[in-house]
């Protein structure tokens, strides 16, 4: 009898370990669970599949946010631009068809493109005399992730990068982001650090803006001088919208939102993954971040 019971338990475990299916378009369901076979990059805790590498945080609908164990401040690369966009929209809200303020690119701002590119930064081409609206600047900030655009917005919003960074940190404290320090508006500096739980706080605030949601859901954007640029989000075609970040210090990072169906209810999952992958290959780092995000969402009970 004991042998039969053991065999039944073994078969049940094997069945649960192989259950699930591939992620497709549209809302995810509670049966769309991936299961790792053997050693893998994820661990299940309390029904959520957290990444073994790095850290993550997630909130489902109006539920309570949860976070992976061992949250600690780490570089976040271009996820810093979520706060930059959030502060810009807080100071200069956009709604409906509005384009917001307009700036004229200065010779200094145009020259900074070559200097930033030489440092290995992500930049969006601009030319002296080019006129860009607030909407276009936010698109250039969030879609192709222009570090130089973050600097331009910092000057517009606060008058200088130094004052803008001070505002970033003040807002972080106001939001309860107690493990976050911003030292630049783009996240290029490895000294700009945060946790997944903290970044979830500001991302939740940012997605309350319909214009922010609309921009980060775009697959690409066409700008006057830079031309057509694509979104770095590796899951944009699969219904995950958000903001990416990646470099050798931060690894692959992704703040995202996507529709998911759990228990027959359609809800929005909002999450952040940090520190995914290794090395400096942008595509590989972001692919690792995308995979971690999918596992996180698909593990919802």
C-alpha atoms as a PDB file:
ATOM      1  CA  UNK A   1       0.000   0.000   0.000  1.00  0.00           C
ATOM      2  CA  UNK A   2       2.854   2.410   0.880  1.00  0.00           C
ATOM      3  CA  UNK A   3       4.541   1.630  -2.437  1.00  0.00           C
ATOM      4  CA  UNK A   4       1.343   2.431  -4.357  1.00  0.00           C
ATOM      5  CA  UNK A   5       0.872   5.733  -2.479  1.00  0.00           C
ATOM      6  CA  UNK A   6       4.459   6.734  -3.176  1.00  0.00           C
ATOM      7  CA  UNK A   7       4.006   5.950  -6.865  1.00  0.00           C
ATOM      8  CA  UNK A   8       0.849   8.105  -7.019  1.00  0.00           C
ATOM      9  CA  UNK A   9       2.622  11.025  -5.354  1.00  0.00           C
ATOM     10  CA  UNK A  10       5.576  10.713  -7.730  1.00  0.00           C
ATOM     11  CA  UNK A  11       3.285  10.723 -10.758  1.00  0.00           C
ATOM     12  CA  UNK A  12       1.396  13.762  -9.436  1.00  0.00           C
ATOM     13  CA  UNK A  13       4.638  15.667  -8.894  1.00  0.00           C
ATOM     14  CA  UNK A  14       5.871  14.794 -12.383  1.00  0.00           C
ATOM     15  CA  UNK A  15       2.618  15.981 -13.905  1.00  0.00           C
ATOM     16  CA  UNK A  16       2.762  19.305 -12.058  1.00  0.00           C
ATOM     17  CA  UNK A  17       6.396  19.823 -13.056  1.00  0.00           C
ATOM     18  CA  UNK A  18       5.576  19.555 -16.736  1.00  0.00           C
ATOM     19  CA  UNK A  19       2.274  21.439 -16.768  1.00  0.00           C
ATOM     20  CA  UNK A  20       1.851  24.695 -18.652  1.00  0.00           C
ATOM     21  CA  UNK A  21       2.233  26.044 -22.130  1.00  0.00           C
ATOM     22  CA  UNK A  22       3.918  28.753 -24.154  1.00  0.00           C
ATOM     23  CA  UNK A  23       3.108  32.397 -23.615  1.00  0.00           C
ATOM     24  CA  UNK A  24       0.956  33.838 -26.364  1.00  0.00           C
ATOM     25  CA  UNK A  25      -0.584  37.198 -27.129  1.00  0.00           C
ATOM     26  CA  UNK A  26      -3.411  38.727 -25.144  1.00  0.00           C
ATOM     27  CA  UNK A  27      -4.181  38.234 -21.489  1.00  0.00           C
ATOM     28  CA  UNK A  28      -2.311  35.489 -19.625  1.00  0.00           C
ATOM     29  CA  UNK A  29      -4.309  32.982 -17.629  1.00  0.00           C
ATOM     30  CA  UNK A  30      -3.637  31.190 -14.383  1.00  0.00           C
ATOM     31  CA  UNK A  31      -2.904  28.009 -16.370  1.00  0.00           C
ATOM     32  CA  UNK A  32      -0.154  29.660 -18.428  1.00  0.00           C
ATOM     33  CA  UNK A  33       2.508  28.607 -15.926  1.00  0.00           C
ATOM     34  CA  UNK A  34       6.058  27.721 -16.947  1.00  0.00           C
ATOM     35  CA  UNK A  35       7.867  25.148 -14.840  1.00  0.00           C
ATOM     36  CA  UNK A  36      11.633  24.720 -14.815  1.00  0.00           C
ATOM     37  CA  UNK A  37      13.029  21.220 -15.250  1.00  0.00           C
ATOM     38  CA  UNK A  38      16.225  20.836 -13.280  1.00  0.00           C
ATOM     39  CA  UNK A  39      18.413  23.766 -12.222  1.00  0.00           C
ATOM     40  CA  UNK A  40      17.157  27.048 -13.676  1.00  0.00           C
ATOM     41  CA  UNK A  41      17.146  30.810 -13.180  1.00  0.00           C
ATOM     42  CA  UNK A  42      13.975  30.895 -11.077  1.00  0.00           C
ATOM     43  CA  UNK A  43      12.655  29.782  -7.707  1.00  0.00           C
ATOM     44  CA  UNK A  44       9.065  29.471  -6.521  1.00  0.00           C
ATOM     45  CA  UNK A  45       8.065  31.096  -3.233  1.00  0.00           C
ATOM     46  CA  UNK A  46       4.513  31.604  -2.033  1.00  0.00           C
ATOM     47  CA  UNK A  47       3.159  30.836  -5.496  1.00  0.00           C
ATOM     48  CA  UNK A  48       5.367  33.373  -7.295  1.00  0.00           C
ATOM     49  CA  UNK A  49       8.344  32.363  -9.420  1.00  0.00           C
ATOM     50  CA  UNK A  50      11.061  34.823  -8.440  1.00  0.00           C
ATOM     51  CA  UNK A  51      14.302  35.057 -10.447  1.00  0.00           C
ATOM     52  CA  UNK A  52      17.296  33.491  -8.719  1.00  0.00           C
ATOM     53  CA  UNK A  53      19.535  36.218 -10.111  1.00  0.00           C
ATOM     54  CA  UNK A  54      18.831  39.825  -9.257  1.00  0.00           C
ATOM     55  CA  UNK A  55      15.497  40.847  -7.750  1.00  0.00           C
ATOM     56  CA  UNK A  56      11.874  41.491  -8.663  1.00  0.00           C
ATOM     57  CA  UNK A  57       8.604  42.965  -7.430  1.00  0.00           C
ATOM     58  CA  UNK A  58       5.017  42.559  -8.627  1.00  0.00           C
ATOM     59  CA  UNK A  59       1.507  43.791  -7.951  1.00  0.00           C
ATOM     60  CA  UNK A  60      -1.650  42.315  -9.443  1.00  0.00           C
ATOM     61  CA  UNK A  61      -4.594  44.641  -9.957  1.00  0.00           C
ATOM     62  CA  UNK A  62      -5.418  46.446  -6.732  1.00  0.00           C
ATOM     63  CA  UNK A  63      -3.702  43.791  -4.646  1.00  0.00           C
ATOM     64  CA  UNK A  64      -0.772  44.151  -2.307  1.00  0.00           C
ATOM     65  CA  UNK A  65       2.697  44.393  -3.898  1.00  0.00           C
ATOM     66  CA  UNK A  66       5.071  41.509  -3.264  1.00  0.00           C
ATOM     67  CA  UNK A  67       8.841  41.375  -3.704  1.00  0.00           C
ATOM     68  CA  UNK A  68      11.523  38.739  -3.978  1.00  0.00           C
ATOM     69  CA  UNK A  69      13.741  38.043  -0.974  1.00  0.00           C
ATOM     70  CA  UNK A  70      16.978  39.927  -0.413  1.00  0.00           C
ATOM     71  CA  UNK A  71      16.010  43.308  -1.855  1.00  0.00           C
ATOM     72  CA  UNK A  72      19.102  45.493  -1.917  1.00  0.00           C
ATOM     73  CA  UNK A  73      20.111  48.704  -3.648  1.00  0.00           C
ATOM     74  CA  UNK A  74      21.699  48.039  -7.045  1.00  0.00           C
ATOM     75  CA  UNK A  75      22.327  49.985 -10.281  1.00  0.00           C
ATOM     76  CA  UNK A  76      19.149  50.378 -12.340  1.00  0.00           C
ATOM     77  CA  UNK A  77      20.503  51.867 -15.602  1.00  0.00           C
ATOM     78  CA  UNK A  78      17.752  53.483 -17.692  1.00  0.00           C
ATOM     79  CA  UNK A  79      14.939  52.606 -15.298  1.00  0.00           C
ATOM     80  CA  UNK A  80      15.952  55.938 -13.744  1.00  0.00           C
ATOM     81  CA  UNK A  81      14.165  57.546 -16.692  1.00  0.00           C
ATOM     82  CA  UNK A  82      10.834  56.456 -15.224  1.00  0.00           C
ATOM     83  CA  UNK A  83      11.329  59.018 -12.452  1.00  0.00           C
ATOM     84  CA  UNK A  84      12.506  61.589 -15.024  1.00  0.00           C
ATOM     85  CA  UNK A  85       9.337  61.103 -17.063  1.00  0.00           C
ATOM     86  CA  UNK A  86       7.156  61.050 -13.947  1.00  0.00           C
ATOM     87  CA  UNK A  87       8.516  64.391 -12.698  1.00  0.00           C
ATOM     88  CA  UNK A  88       8.211  65.933 -16.163  1.00  0.00           C
ATOM     89  CA  UNK A  89       4.550  64.925 -16.432  1.00  0.00           C
ATOM     90  CA  UNK A  90       3.890  66.036 -12.861  1.00  0.00           C
ATOM     91  CA  UNK A  91       5.219  69.507 -13.686  1.00  0.00           C
ATOM     92  CA  UNK A  92       3.782  69.657 -17.222  1.00  0.00           C
ATOM     93  CA  UNK A  93       0.785  67.289 -17.462  1.00  0.00           C
ATOM     94  CA  UNK A  94      -0.314  66.071 -20.886  1.00  0.00           C
ATOM     95  CA  UNK A  95      -3.776  64.887 -21.807  1.00  0.00           C
ATOM     96  CA  UNK A  96      -5.648  64.115 -25.006  1.00  0.00           C
ATOM     97  CA  UNK A  97      -3.917  65.406 -28.152  1.00  0.00           C
ATOM     98  CA  UNK A  98      -1.745  67.943 -26.303  1.00  0.00           C
ATOM     99  CA  UNK A  99       1.952  68.122 -27.205  1.00  0.00           C
ATOM    100  CA  UNK A 100       2.984  70.264 -24.235  1.00  0.00           C
ATOM    101  CA  UNK A 101       5.857  72.726 -24.227  1.00  0.00           C
ATOM    102  CA  UNK A 102       8.326  73.136 -27.097  1.00  0.00           C
ATOM    103  CA  UNK A 103      12.094  73.526 -26.805  1.00  0.00           C
ATOM    104  CA  UNK A 104      14.722  74.535 -29.343  1.00  0.00           C
ATOM    105  CA  UNK A 105      17.851  72.378 -29.218  1.00  0.00           C
ATOM    106  CA  UNK A 106      20.927  74.448 -28.382  1.00  0.00           C
ATOM    107  CA  UNK A 107      24.364  73.976 -29.969  1.00  0.00           C
ATOM    108  CA  UNK A 108      25.616  72.674 -26.604  1.00  0.00           C
ATOM    109  CA  UNK A 109      22.862  70.055 -26.450  1.00  0.00           C
ATOM    110  CA  UNK A 110      23.578  69.003 -30.020  1.00  0.00           C
ATOM    111  CA  UNK A 111      27.301  68.697 -29.307  1.00  0.00           C
ATOM    112  CA  UNK A 112      26.600  66.560 -26.236  1.00  0.00           C
ATOM    113  CA  UNK A 113      25.330  63.759 -28.486  1.00  0.00           C
ATOM    114  CA  UNK A 114      28.791  62.981 -29.850  1.00  0.00           C
ATOM    115  CA  UNK A 115      30.360  63.278 -26.407  1.00  0.00           C
ATOM    116  CA  UNK A 116      27.806  60.951 -24.798  1.00  0.00           C
ATOM    117  CA  UNK A 117      28.085  58.446 -27.636  1.00  0.00           C
ATOM    118  CA  UNK A 118      31.861  58.358 -27.202  1.00  0.00           C
ATOM    119  CA  UNK A 119      31.271  57.313 -23.577  1.00  0.00           C
ATOM    120  CA  UNK A 120      29.075  54.429 -24.715  1.00  0.00           C
ATOM    121  CA  UNK A 121      25.829  56.108 -23.720  1.00  0.00           C
ATOM    122  CA  UNK A 122      22.470  55.559 -25.362  1.00  0.00           C
ATOM    123  CA  UNK A 123      21.672  58.754 -27.279  1.00  0.00           C
ATOM    124  CA  UNK A 124      19.068  60.165 -29.644  1.00  0.00           C
ATOM    125  CA  UNK A 125      20.390  62.361 -32.433  1.00  0.00           C
ATOM    126  CA  UNK A 126      19.368  66.020 -32.263  1.00  0.00           C
ATOM    127  CA  UNK A 127      20.526  69.097 -34.188  1.00  0.00           C
ATOM    128  CA  UNK A 128      21.016  72.693 -33.131  1.00  0.00           C
ATOM    129  CA  UNK A 129      17.865  74.656 -33.906  1.00  0.00           C
ATOM    130  CA  UNK A 130      15.651  71.553 -33.970  1.00  0.00           C
ATOM    131  CA  UNK A 131      12.314  72.096 -32.248  1.00  0.00           C
ATOM    132  CA  UNK A 132      10.924  69.278 -30.115  1.00  0.00           C
ATOM    133  CA  UNK A 133       7.709  69.149 -28.127  1.00  0.00           C
ATOM    134  CA  UNK A 134       7.322  67.696 -24.659  1.00  0.00           C
ATOM    135  CA  UNK A 135       5.588  64.690 -26.200  1.00  0.00           C
ATOM    136  CA  UNK A 136       8.469  64.075 -28.594  1.00  0.00           C
ATOM    137  CA  UNK A 137      11.012  64.460 -25.809  1.00  0.00           C
ATOM    138  CA  UNK A 138       9.189  61.920 -23.672  1.00  0.00           C
ATOM    139  CA  UNK A 139       9.010  59.540 -26.637  1.00  0.00           C
ATOM    140  CA  UNK A 140      12.753  59.971 -27.226  1.00  0.00           C
ATOM    141  CA  UNK A 141      13.381  59.405 -23.512  1.00  0.00           C
ATOM    142  CA  UNK A 142      11.255  56.300 -23.038  1.00  0.00           C
ATOM    143  CA  UNK A 143      11.352  54.443 -26.368  1.00  0.00           C
ATOM    144  CA  UNK A 144      14.949  54.587 -27.701  1.00  0.00           C
ATOM    145  CA  UNK A 145      16.084  55.649 -24.188  1.00  0.00           C
ATOM    146  CA  UNK A 146      18.115  58.749 -24.964  1.00  0.00           C
ATOM    147  CA  UNK A 147      20.392  59.752 -22.103  1.00  0.00           C
ATOM    148  CA  UNK A 148      20.896  63.160 -23.696  1.00  0.00           C
ATOM    149  CA  UNK A 149      17.123  63.636 -23.702  1.00  0.00           C
ATOM    150  CA  UNK A 150      17.048  62.994 -19.951  1.00  0.00           C
ATOM    151  CA  UNK A 151      19.567  65.812 -19.510  1.00  0.00           C
ATOM    152  CA  UNK A 152      17.478  68.168 -21.660  1.00  0.00           C
ATOM    153  CA  UNK A 153      14.332  67.419 -19.657  1.00  0.00           C
ATOM    154  CA  UNK A 154      16.212  67.930 -16.388  1.00  0.00           C
ATOM    155  CA  UNK A 155      17.161  71.440 -17.506  1.00  0.00           C
ATOM    156  CA  UNK A 156      13.597  72.218 -18.622  1.00  0.00           C
ATOM    157  CA  UNK A 157      11.900  70.937 -15.460  1.00  0.00           C
ATOM    158  CA  UNK A 158      14.324  72.129 -12.786  1.00  0.00           C
ATOM    159  CA  UNK A 159      16.680  74.578 -14.464  1.00  0.00           C
ATOM    160  CA  UNK A 160      19.743  72.369 -14.031  1.00  0.00           C
ATOM    161  CA  UNK A 161      20.674  68.707 -13.712  1.00  0.00           C
ATOM    162  CA  UNK A 162      21.804  69.242 -10.119  1.00  0.00           C
ATOM    163  CA  UNK A 163      18.449  70.653  -9.046  1.00  0.00           C
ATOM    164  CA  UNK A 164      16.562  67.989 -10.988  1.00  0.00           C
ATOM    165  CA  UNK A 165      18.483  65.176  -9.283  1.00  0.00           C
ATOM    166  CA  UNK A 166      17.627  66.761  -5.940  1.00  0.00           C
ATOM    167  CA  UNK A 167      13.957  66.708  -6.965  1.00  0.00           C
ATOM    168  CA  UNK A 168      14.284  63.055  -8.002  1.00  0.00           C
ATOM    169  CA  UNK A 169      15.576  62.117  -4.561  1.00  0.00           C
ATOM    170  CA  UNK A 170      12.996  64.250  -2.765  1.00  0.00           C
ATOM    171  CA  UNK A 171      10.198  62.532  -4.695  1.00  0.00           C
ATOM    172  CA  UNK A 172      11.736  59.130  -3.977  1.00  0.00           C
ATOM    173  CA  UNK A 173      11.575  59.875  -0.250  1.00  0.00           C
ATOM    174  CA  UNK A 174       7.984  61.101  -0.587  1.00  0.00           C
ATOM    175  CA  UNK A 175       7.027  57.819  -2.293  1.00  0.00           C
ATOM    176  CA  UNK A 176       8.683  55.735   0.412  1.00  0.00           C
ATOM    177  CA  UNK A 177      11.553  54.646  -1.839  1.00  0.00           C
ATOM    178  CA  UNK A 178      13.951  54.400   1.091  1.00  0.00           C
ATOM    179  CA  UNK A 179      16.589  52.310  -0.681  1.00  0.00           C
ATOM    180  CA  UNK A 180      16.934  54.564  -3.724  1.00  0.00           C
ATOM    181  CA  UNK A 181      19.567  57.159  -4.585  1.00  0.00           C
ATOM    182  CA  UNK A 182      19.516  59.049  -7.884  1.00  0.00           C
ATOM    183  CA  UNK A 183      22.750  60.709  -8.983  1.00  0.00           C
ATOM    184  CA  UNK A 184      21.779  61.473 -12.586  1.00  0.00           C
ATOM    185  CA  UNK A 185      18.536  61.751 -14.608  1.00  0.00           C
ATOM    186  CA  UNK A 186      19.349  58.949 -17.076  1.00  0.00           C
ATOM    187  CA  UNK A 187      20.745  56.142 -14.916  1.00  0.00           C
ATOM    188  CA  UNK A 188      24.043  56.027 -16.816  1.00  0.00           C
ATOM    189  CA  UNK A 189      25.933  56.431 -13.544  1.00  0.00           C
ATOM    190  CA  UNK A 190      26.273  53.188 -11.591  1.00  0.00           C
ATOM    191  CA  UNK A 191      25.812  55.250  -8.424  1.00  0.00           C
ATOM    192  CA  UNK A 192      22.118  55.646  -9.300  1.00  0.00           C
ATOM    193  CA  UNK A 193      20.771  52.687  -7.334  1.00  0.00           C
ATOM    194  CA  UNK A 194      17.446  51.294  -6.179  1.00  0.00           C
ATOM    195  CA  UNK A 195      15.557  48.090  -5.440  1.00  0.00           C
ATOM    196  CA  UNK A 196      12.868  46.354  -7.455  1.00  0.00           C
ATOM    197  CA  UNK A 197      10.330  47.128  -4.719  1.00  0.00           C
ATOM    198  CA  UNK A 198      11.231  50.831  -4.803  1.00  0.00           C
ATOM    199  CA  UNK A 199      11.105  51.016  -8.583  1.00  0.00           C
ATOM    200  CA  UNK A 200       7.678  49.397  -8.519  1.00  0.00           C
ATOM    201  CA  UNK A 201       6.483  52.321  -6.387  1.00  0.00           C
ATOM    202  CA  UNK A 202       7.472  55.003  -8.897  1.00  0.00           C
ATOM    203  CA  UNK A 203       6.422  52.922 -11.890  1.00  0.00           C
ATOM    204  CA  UNK A 204       2.948  52.480 -10.402  1.00  0.00           C
ATOM    205  CA  UNK A 205       2.731  56.251 -10.083  1.00  0.00           C
ATOM    206  CA  UNK A 206       3.969  56.814 -13.642  1.00  0.00           C
ATOM    207  CA  UNK A 207       1.462  54.436 -15.239  1.00  0.00           C
ATOM    208  CA  UNK A 208      -1.377  56.463 -13.761  1.00  0.00           C
ATOM    209  CA  UNK A 209      -0.638  58.911 -16.579  1.00  0.00           C
ATOM    210  CA  UNK A 210      -2.444  57.881 -19.766  1.00  0.00           C
ATOM    211  CA  UNK A 211       0.241  59.619 -21.842  1.00  0.00           C
ATOM    212  CA  UNK A 212       3.019  57.663 -20.111  1.00  0.00           C
ATOM    213  CA  UNK A 213       1.158  54.394 -20.723  1.00  0.00           C
ATOM    214  CA  UNK A 214       0.559  55.317 -24.347  1.00  0.00           C
ATOM    215  CA  UNK A 215       4.204  56.163 -25.008  1.00  0.00           C
ATOM    216  CA  UNK A 216       5.729  53.057 -23.414  1.00  0.00           C
ATOM    217  CA  UNK A 217       3.256  50.915 -25.371  1.00  0.00           C
ATOM    218  CA  UNK A 218       4.596  52.174 -28.714  1.00  0.00           C
ATOM    219  CA  UNK A 219       6.766  49.842 -30.792  1.00  0.00           C
ATOM    220  CA  UNK A 220       8.680  52.771 -32.249  1.00  0.00           C
ATOM    221  CA  UNK A 221       8.738  56.504 -32.860  1.00  0.00           C
ATOM    222  CA  UNK A 222       9.759  58.826 -35.691  1.00  0.00           C
ATOM    223  CA  UNK A 223      11.537  62.050 -34.698  1.00  0.00           C
ATOM    224  CA  UNK A 224      12.524  65.019 -36.909  1.00  0.00           C
ATOM    225  CA  UNK A 225      16.312  64.476 -36.956  1.00  0.00           C
ATOM    226  CA  UNK A 226      16.797  61.026 -35.431  1.00  0.00           C
ATOM    227  CA  UNK A 227      14.298  59.381 -37.788  1.00  0.00           C
ATOM    228  CA  UNK A 228      12.523  56.140 -36.914  1.00  0.00           C
ATOM    229  CA  UNK A 229      13.693  54.431 -33.709  1.00  0.00           C
ATOM    230  CA  UNK A 230      12.444  51.199 -32.138  1.00  0.00           C
ATOM    231  CA  UNK A 231      11.481  50.304 -28.590  1.00  0.00           C
ATOM    232  CA  UNK A 232      14.098  48.264 -26.699  1.00  0.00           C
ATOM    233  CA  UNK A 233      11.353  46.368 -24.830  1.00  0.00           C
ATOM    234  CA  UNK A 234      11.870  42.687 -25.818  1.00  0.00           C
ATOM    235  CA  UNK A 235       8.244  41.855 -25.015  1.00  0.00           C
ATOM    236  CA  UNK A 236       6.475  44.807 -26.620  1.00  0.00           C
ATOM    237  CA  UNK A 237       4.876  42.588 -29.268  1.00  0.00           C
ATOM    238  CA  UNK A 238       3.650  40.207 -26.563  1.00  0.00           C
ATOM    239  CA  UNK A 239       1.627  42.795 -24.687  1.00  0.00           C
ATOM    240  CA  UNK A 240       4.216  43.847 -22.109  1.00  0.00           C
ATOM    241  CA  UNK A 241       4.672  47.628 -22.134  1.00  0.00           C
ATOM    242  CA  UNK A 242       7.199  49.462 -20.005  1.00  0.00           C
ATOM    243  CA  UNK A 243      10.748  50.754 -19.654  1.00  0.00           C
ATOM    244  CA  UNK A 244      13.978  48.868 -20.116  1.00  0.00           C
ATOM    245  CA  UNK A 245      17.448  49.400 -18.702  1.00  0.00           C
ATOM    246  CA  UNK A 246      20.693  47.553 -19.254  1.00  0.00           C
ATOM    247  CA  UNK A 247      24.445  47.770 -18.813  1.00  0.00           C
ATOM    248  CA  UNK A 248      27.199  45.629 -17.341  1.00  0.00           C
ATOM    249  CA  UNK A 249      26.653  47.051 -13.835  1.00  0.00           C
ATOM    250  CA  UNK A 250      22.855  46.825 -13.767  1.00  0.00           C
ATOM    251  CA  UNK A 251      22.331  43.735 -15.920  1.00  0.00           C
ATOM    252  CA  UNK A 252      18.988  43.549 -17.698  1.00  0.00           C
ATOM    253  CA  UNK A 253      16.137  45.515 -16.123  1.00  0.00           C
ATOM    254  CA  UNK A 254      12.489  45.875 -17.071  1.00  0.00           C
ATOM    255  CA  UNK A 255       9.589  47.752 -15.496  1.00  0.00           C
ATOM    256  CA  UNK A 256       6.403  46.531 -17.169  1.00  0.00           C
ATOM    257  CA  UNK A 257       2.641  46.206 -17.142  1.00  0.00           C
ATOM    258  CA  UNK A 258       0.552  43.603 -18.941  1.00  0.00           C
ATOM    259  CA  UNK A 259      -2.971  42.169 -18.845  1.00  0.00           C
ATOM    260  CA  UNK A 260      -3.402  38.829 -17.116  1.00  0.00           C
ATOM    261  CA  UNK A 261      -6.425  36.659 -16.352  1.00  0.00           C
ATOM    262  CA  UNK A 262      -6.301  35.025 -12.923  1.00  0.00           C
ATOM    263  CA  UNK A 263      -9.209  33.038 -11.559  1.00  0.00           C
ATOM    264  CA  UNK A 264     -11.358  34.167 -14.455  1.00  0.00           C
ATOM    265  CA  UNK A 265     -10.720  37.863 -13.743  1.00  0.00           C
ATOM    266  CA  UNK A 266      -8.851  40.139 -16.150  1.00  0.00           C
ATOM    267  CA  UNK A 267      -6.379  42.304 -14.256  1.00  0.00           C
ATOM    268  CA  UNK A 268      -3.243  44.313 -14.879  1.00  0.00           C
ATOM    269  CA  UNK A 269       0.051  42.948 -13.590  1.00  0.00           C
ATOM    270  CA  UNK A 270       2.668  45.626 -12.892  1.00  0.00           C
ATOM    271  CA  UNK A 271       6.190  44.483 -12.148  1.00  0.00           C
ATOM    272  CA  UNK A 272       9.906  45.204 -12.086  1.00  0.00           C
ATOM    273  CA  UNK A 273      12.861  42.884 -12.612  1.00  0.00           C
ATOM    274  CA  UNK A 274      16.452  43.979 -11.978  1.00  0.00           C
ATOM    275  CA  UNK A 275      19.890  42.459 -12.453  1.00  0.00           C
ATOM    276  CA  UNK A 276      19.065  39.814 -15.067  1.00  0.00           C
ATOM    277  CA  UNK A 277      21.744  38.189 -17.221  1.00  0.00           C
ATOM    278  CA  UNK A 278      25.473  38.848 -17.296  1.00  0.00           C
ATOM    279  CA  UNK A 279      27.943  40.730 -19.481  1.00  0.00           C
ATOM    280  CA  UNK A 280      27.445  43.793 -21.638  1.00  0.00           C
ATOM    281  CA  UNK A 281      25.437  42.513 -24.612  1.00  0.00           C
ATOM    282  CA  UNK A 282      22.313  44.686 -24.550  1.00  0.00           C
ATOM    283  CA  UNK A 283      20.137  42.261 -26.479  1.00  0.00           C
ATOM    284  CA  UNK A 284      21.078  39.317 -24.249  1.00  0.00           C
ATOM    285  CA  UNK A 285      20.573  41.302 -21.043  1.00  0.00           C
ATOM    286  CA  UNK A 286      17.146  42.525 -22.098  1.00  0.00           C
ATOM    287  CA  UNK A 287      16.142  39.045 -23.285  1.00  0.00           C
ATOM    288  CA  UNK A 288      17.005  37.740 -19.811  1.00  0.00           C
ATOM    289  CA  UNK A 289      14.933  40.510 -18.220  1.00  0.00           C
ATOM    290  CA  UNK A 290      12.025  39.691 -20.515  1.00  0.00           C
ATOM    291  CA  UNK A 291      12.180  36.005 -19.650  1.00  0.00           C
ATOM    292  CA  UNK A 292      12.186  36.798 -15.926  1.00  0.00           C
ATOM    293  CA  UNK A 293       9.168  39.081 -16.381  1.00  0.00           C
ATOM    294  CA  UNK A 294       7.251  36.352 -18.239  1.00  0.00           C
ATOM    295  CA  UNK A 295       8.019  33.758 -15.573  1.00  0.00           C
ATOM    296  CA  UNK A 296       6.933  36.194 -12.882  1.00  0.00           C
ATOM    297  CA  UNK A 297       3.577  36.902 -14.533  1.00  0.00           C
ATOM    298  CA  UNK A 298       2.887  33.317 -15.592  1.00  0.00           C
ATOM    299  CA  UNK A 299       3.495  31.993 -12.080  1.00  0.00           C
ATOM    300  CA  UNK A 300       0.463  33.823 -10.682  1.00  0.00           C
ATOM    301  CA  UNK A 301      -1.827  31.302  -8.940  1.00  0.00           C
END
